[in-house]
Each structure stands twice: as C-alpha cells, then as structure tokens.
Amino acid sequence: METRTLGKTGFQVGILGFGGIIVDRTGKKEADCIVSEAVDWGVDYFDVAPAYDQAQYTLGPALKPYRKSVYLVCKTLKRDAKGADEQLHESLKALQTDCFDIYQFHHLDDPDEINTVRIQTACGSSDRLYRRRHGRAIRKAET
C-alpha cells in the first residue's frame, strides 16, 4: 500500500486507516476476521476511542498478533489531567497493550476549547500526556 508521513510524527503509514468504531458491535470472531483482512490489505493505522463503546475491548484482542507492525492511535474525551490519565490507563488495559503510538484529544473542534487544552500545559491534561509520553506509554502525544 502507498504510504505517507503522518503529520509531524515521522510515522510512515498506509493511505488507508481503520476506524475502530466499526468493530463496536461485532463479536470476537468477526473482529478477528475484519482486522486480519485489513492487515492483509496493507492497513497499518488503527484508530479507536473510549467513546466507541465496546470497540476497544473487541479491537485489542484482534490486533494483538499484529501489534508490533501496526500503529495504534487512541483518544481521550477528558480535558483534566486526572481524567485523561485515568482514561489512558483504562484504554491501555482494554486494548491489551502497554503503549499507544499516538494519543490525542478527541473532539477538539471549538477554538476556545483548543486554546484551553493548550494553556493547561502547566497542570492540565496536556502536561500529563507529555509526561506519559516520556514514560513510554505514549510514543506521540498530540493536541
């Protein structure tokens, strides 16, 4: 599959990605099949979020055999440091992994909210994600 550099991350990812919401209401066997087919087609970018109900619990086991060869991206809806940190740990556990390649804030579509998250670097969730990145739970933390 043709690849592109993903933003400032330096990651070379396929031009097609996998939105984890698709496995939200599937069983284990179906999720395994869907993920296997996607990987066979060259998909190496998998995106999921706690907001997708059960998707993390379904996608994690399905991705396990491929984890070292794909990029796993997760998001948080939390804006406070404690909430973002708790959600990070819950997602790592649900997805049965020890690291996300990218962890980002979900639904930052209001300019005021974007500025609020950026300003919180001293004591908010941005700072917490930055510290987690250096603790190796996150390879890239993005706002």
C-alpha atoms as a PDB file:
ATOM      1  CA  MET A   1       0.000   0.000   0.000  1.00  0.00           C
ATOM      2  CA  GLU A   2       1.150   3.519  -0.706  1.00  0.00           C
ATOM      3  CA  THR A   3       2.294   5.371   2.428  1.00  0.00           C
ATOM      4  CA  ARG A   4       2.501   8.937   3.678  1.00  0.00           C
ATOM      5  CA  THR A   5       4.271  10.619   6.568  1.00  0.00           C
ATOM      6  CA  LEU A   6       1.719  11.212   9.309  1.00  0.00           C
ATOM      7  CA  GLY A   7       1.976  14.866  10.282  1.00  0.00           C
ATOM      8  CA  LYS A   8       4.993  15.687  12.427  1.00  0.00           C
ATOM      9  CA  THR A   9       5.232  12.166  13.882  1.00  0.00           C
ATOM     10  CA  GLY A  10       7.612  10.839  11.255  1.00  0.00           C
ATOM     11  CA  PHE A  11       5.494   7.658  11.070  1.00  0.00           C
ATOM     12  CA  GLN A  12       5.093   6.217   7.579  1.00  0.00           C
ATOM     13  CA  VAL A  13       1.511   4.941   7.434  1.00  0.00           C
ATOM     14  CA  GLY A  14      -0.651   3.475   4.691  1.00  0.00           C
ATOM     15  CA  ILE A  15      -3.029   5.841   2.954  1.00  0.00           C
ATOM     16  CA  LEU A  16      -5.987   3.834   4.292  1.00  0.00           C
ATOM     17  CA  GLY A  17      -6.668   3.666   8.010  1.00  0.00           C
ATOM     18  CA  PHE A  18      -9.031   1.609  10.148  1.00  0.00           C
ATOM     19  CA  GLY A  19     -11.644   3.369  12.280  1.00  0.00           C
ATOM     20  CA  GLY A  20     -12.202   1.217  15.359  1.00  0.00           C
ATOM     21  CA  ILE A  21     -15.844   2.138  15.698  1.00  0.00           C
ATOM     22  CA  ILE A  22     -16.588  -0.460  13.017  1.00  0.00           C
ATOM     23  CA  VAL A  23     -15.933  -3.306  15.482  1.00  0.00           C
ATOM     24  CA  ASP A  24     -18.041  -1.785  18.259  1.00  0.00           C
ATOM     25  CA  ARG A  25     -20.897  -4.209  17.791  1.00  0.00           C
ATOM     26  CA  THR A  26     -19.095  -7.251  16.406  1.00  0.00           C
ATOM     27  CA  GLY A  27     -18.102 -10.424  18.139  1.00  0.00           C
ATOM     28  CA  LYS A  28     -14.541 -11.626  18.636  1.00  0.00           C
ATOM     29  CA  LYS A  29     -14.514 -13.940  15.621  1.00  0.00           C
ATOM     30  CA  GLU A  30     -15.858 -11.274  13.264  1.00  0.00           C
ATOM     31  CA  ALA A  31     -13.441  -8.633  14.630  1.00  0.00           C
ATOM     32  CA  ASP A  32     -10.507 -11.029  14.179  1.00  0.00           C
ATOM     33  CA  CYS A  33     -11.544 -11.577  10.563  1.00  0.00           C
ATOM     34  CA  ILE A  34     -12.047  -7.865   9.828  1.00  0.00           C
ATOM     35  CA  VAL A  35      -8.681  -6.894  11.336  1.00  0.00           C
ATOM     36  CA  SER A  36      -6.876  -9.761   9.598  1.00  0.00           C
ATOM     37  CA  GLU A  37      -8.311  -8.710   6.228  1.00  0.00           C
ATOM     38  CA  ALA A  38      -7.398  -5.075   6.843  1.00  0.00           C
ATOM     39  CA  VAL A  39      -3.793  -6.004   7.690  1.00  0.00           C
ATOM     40  CA  ASP A  40      -3.643  -8.268   4.623  1.00  0.00           C
ATOM     41  CA  TRP A  41      -4.697  -5.275   2.508  1.00  0.00           C
ATOM     42  CA  GLY A  42      -1.853  -3.244   3.978  1.00  0.00           C
ATOM     43  CA  VAL A  43      -3.739  -1.225   6.595  1.00  0.00           C
ATOM     44  CA  ASP A  44      -1.331  -0.342   9.401  1.00  0.00           C
ATOM     45  CA  TYR A  45      -3.114   2.592  11.114  1.00  0.00           C
ATOM     46  CA  PHE A  46      -5.818   1.679  13.644  1.00  0.00           C
ATOM     47  CA  ASP A  47      -7.772   4.402  15.443  1.00  0.00           C
ATOM     48  CA  VAL A  48     -10.056   3.846  18.425  1.00  0.00           C
ATOM     49  CA  ALA A  49     -11.523   5.747  21.368  1.00  0.00           C
ATOM     50  CA  PRO A  50     -13.381   5.008  24.607  1.00  0.00           C
ATOM     51  CA  ALA A  51     -16.335   6.879  23.099  1.00  0.00           C
ATOM     52  CA  TYR A  52     -16.825   3.932  20.720  1.00  0.00           C
ATOM     53  CA  ASP A  53     -18.434   1.842  23.488  1.00  0.00           C
ATOM     54  CA  GLN A  54     -17.052  -1.726  23.302  1.00  0.00           C
ATOM     55  CA  ALA A  55     -14.713  -1.177  20.341  1.00  0.00           C
ATOM     56  CA  GLN A  56     -11.559  -1.093  22.482  1.00  0.00           C
ATOM     57  CA  TYR A  57     -12.398  -4.434  24.103  1.00  0.00           C
ATOM     58  CA  THR A  58     -13.047  -6.010  20.701  1.00  0.00           C
ATOM     59  CA  LEU A  59     -10.203  -4.403  18.766  1.00  0.00           C
ATOM     60  CA  GLY A  60      -7.468  -5.064  21.341  1.00  0.00           C
ATOM     61  CA  PRO A  61      -7.510  -8.865  21.148  1.00  0.00           C
ATOM     62  CA  ALA A  62      -7.965  -8.768  17.360  1.00  0.00           C
ATOM     63  CA  LEU A  63      -4.878  -6.542  16.976  1.00  0.00           C
ATOM     64  CA  LYS A  64      -2.690  -8.493  19.383  1.00  0.00           C
ATOM     65  CA  PRO A  65      -0.995 -10.678  16.719  1.00  0.00           C
ATOM     66  CA  TYR A  66      -0.178  -7.570  14.644  1.00  0.00           C
ATOM     67  CA  ARG A  67       0.631  -5.054  17.378  1.00  0.00           C
ATOM     68  CA  LYS A  68       4.338  -4.681  16.550  1.00  0.00           C
ATOM     69  CA  SER A  69       3.600  -4.000  12.865  1.00  0.00           C
ATOM     70  CA  VAL A  70       0.725  -1.504  13.142  1.00  0.00           C
ATOM     71  CA  TYR A  71       0.203   1.973  14.556  1.00  0.00           C
ATOM     72  CA  LEU A  72      -2.366   2.128  17.333  1.00  0.00           C
ATOM     73  CA  VAL A  73      -3.963   5.502  17.928  1.00  0.00           C
ATOM     74  CA  CYS A  74      -6.296   6.280  20.823  1.00  0.00           C
ATOM     75  CA  LYS A  75      -8.073   9.397  22.059  1.00  0.00           C
ATOM     76  CA  THR A  76      -9.396  10.883  25.264  1.00  0.00           C
ATOM     77  CA  LEU A  77     -12.508  12.965  25.783  1.00  0.00           C
ATOM     78  CA  LYS A  78     -11.201  14.140  29.154  1.00  0.00           C
ATOM     79  CA  ARG A  79      -9.794  17.643  29.474  1.00  0.00           C
ATOM     80  CA  ASP A  80      -8.421  17.468  33.022  1.00  0.00           C
ATOM     81  CA  ALA A  81      -5.123  15.809  33.937  1.00  0.00           C
ATOM     82  CA  LYS A  82      -6.589  13.203  36.285  1.00  0.00           C
ATOM     83  CA  GLY A  83      -9.353  12.229  33.880  1.00  0.00           C
ATOM     84  CA  ALA A  84      -7.016  11.978  30.876  1.00  0.00           C
ATOM     85  CA  ASP A  85      -4.575   9.858  32.856  1.00  0.00           C
ATOM     86  CA  GLU A  86      -7.311   7.525  34.111  1.00  0.00           C
ATOM     87  CA  GLN A  87      -8.743   7.162  30.620  1.00  0.00           C
ATOM     88  CA  LEU A  88      -5.273   6.444  29.224  1.00  0.00           C
ATOM     89  CA  HIS A  89      -4.808   3.556  31.654  1.00  0.00           C
ATOM     90  CA  GLU A  90      -8.317   2.209  31.041  1.00  0.00           C
ATOM     91  CA  SER A  91      -7.710   2.250  27.280  1.00  0.00           C
ATOM     92  CA  LEU A  92      -4.299   0.570  27.570  1.00  0.00           C
ATOM     93  CA  LYS A  93      -5.916  -2.206  29.611  1.00  0.00           C
ATOM     94  CA  ALA A  94      -8.944  -2.557  27.310  1.00  0.00           C
ATOM     95  CA  LEU A  95      -6.731  -2.721  24.217  1.00  0.00           C
ATOM     96  CA  GLN A  96      -4.301  -5.124  25.895  1.00  0.00           C
ATOM     97  CA  THR A  97      -1.252  -3.046  25.065  1.00  0.00           C
ATOM     98  CA  ASP A  98       1.403  -1.167  27.012  1.00  0.00           C
ATOM     99  CA  CYS A  99       1.809   1.736  24.586  1.00  0.00           C
ATOM    100  CA  PHE A 100      -0.105   3.856  22.098  1.00  0.00           C
ATOM    101  CA  ASP A 101       1.729   5.154  19.078  1.00  0.00           C
ATOM    102  CA  ILE A 102      -0.336   8.341  19.214  1.00  0.00           C
ATOM    103  CA  TYR A 103      -2.663   9.568  21.952  1.00  0.00           C
ATOM    104  CA  GLN A 104      -4.766  12.620  21.239  1.00  0.00           C
ATOM    105  CA  PHE A 105      -7.659  14.704  22.487  1.00  0.00           C
ATOM    106  CA  HIS A 106     -10.999  13.720  20.944  1.00  0.00           C
ATOM    107  CA  HIS A 107     -13.498  16.266  19.607  1.00  0.00           C
ATOM    108  CA  LEU A 108     -11.428  19.424  19.849  1.00  0.00           C
ATOM    109  CA  ASP A 109     -13.463  21.390  17.356  1.00  0.00           C
ATOM    110  CA  ASP A 110     -14.114  24.620  19.244  1.00  0.00           C
ATOM    111  CA  PRO A 111     -11.205  27.132  19.052  1.00  0.00           C
ATOM    112  CA  ASP A 112     -11.756  28.137  22.703  1.00  0.00           C
ATOM    113  CA  GLU A 113     -11.551  24.518  23.809  1.00  0.00           C
ATOM    114  CA  ILE A 114      -8.351  24.003  21.787  1.00  0.00           C
ATOM    115  CA  ASN A 115      -6.779  27.017  23.476  1.00  0.00           C
ATOM    116  CA  THR A 116      -7.912  25.813  26.908  1.00  0.00           C
ATOM    117  CA  VAL A 117      -6.207  22.445  26.385  1.00  0.00           C
ATOM    118  CA  ARG A 118      -3.029  24.125  25.141  1.00  0.00           C
ATOM    119  CA  ILE A 119      -2.967  26.540  28.090  1.00  0.00           C
ATOM    120  CA  GLN A 120      -3.249  23.651  30.551  1.00  0.00           C
ATOM    121  CA  THR A 121       0.336  22.556  29.880  1.00  0.00           C
ATOM    122  CA  ALA A 122       1.399  23.660  33.360  1.00  0.00           C
ATOM    123  CA  CYS A 123      -1.056  21.482  35.289  1.00  0.00           C
ATOM    124  CA  GLY A 124      -3.636  20.073  32.892  1.00  0.00           C
ATOM    125  CA  SER A 125      -4.123  17.088  30.670  1.00  0.00           C
ATOM    126  CA  SER A 126      -1.609  18.241  28.033  1.00  0.00           C
ATOM    127  CA  ASP A 127       1.175  18.158  30.594  1.00  0.00           C
ATOM    128  CA  ARG A 128       0.057  14.777  31.904  1.00  0.00           C
ATOM    129  CA  LEU A 129       0.116  13.325  28.378  1.00  0.00           C
ATOM    130  CA  TYR A 130       3.547  14.811  27.778  1.00  0.00           C
ATOM    131  CA  ARG A 131       4.884  13.165  30.931  1.00  0.00           C
ATOM    132  CA  ARG A 132       3.258   9.853  29.982  1.00  0.00           C
ATOM    133  CA  ARG A 133       4.916  10.092  26.591  1.00  0.00           C
ATOM    134  CA  HIS A 134       8.289  10.221  28.273  1.00  0.00           C
ATOM    135  CA  GLY A 135       7.219   7.321  30.472  1.00  0.00           C
ATOM    136  CA  ARG A 136       6.758   5.374  27.219  1.00  0.00           C
ATOM    137  CA  ALA A 137       3.006   4.733  27.499  1.00  0.00           C
ATOM    138  CA  ILE A 138       2.620   7.105  24.528  1.00  0.00           C
ATOM    139  CA  ARG A 139       5.035   7.448  21.605  1.00  0.00           C
ATOM    140  CA  LYS A 140       3.449  10.720  20.381  1.00  0.00           C
ATOM    141  CA  ALA A 141       1.028  12.939  22.311  1.00  0.00           C
ATOM    142  CA  GLU A 142      -0.903  15.310  20.059  1.00  0.00           C
ATOM    143  CA  THR A 143      -3.409  18.089  20.620  1.00  0.00           C
END
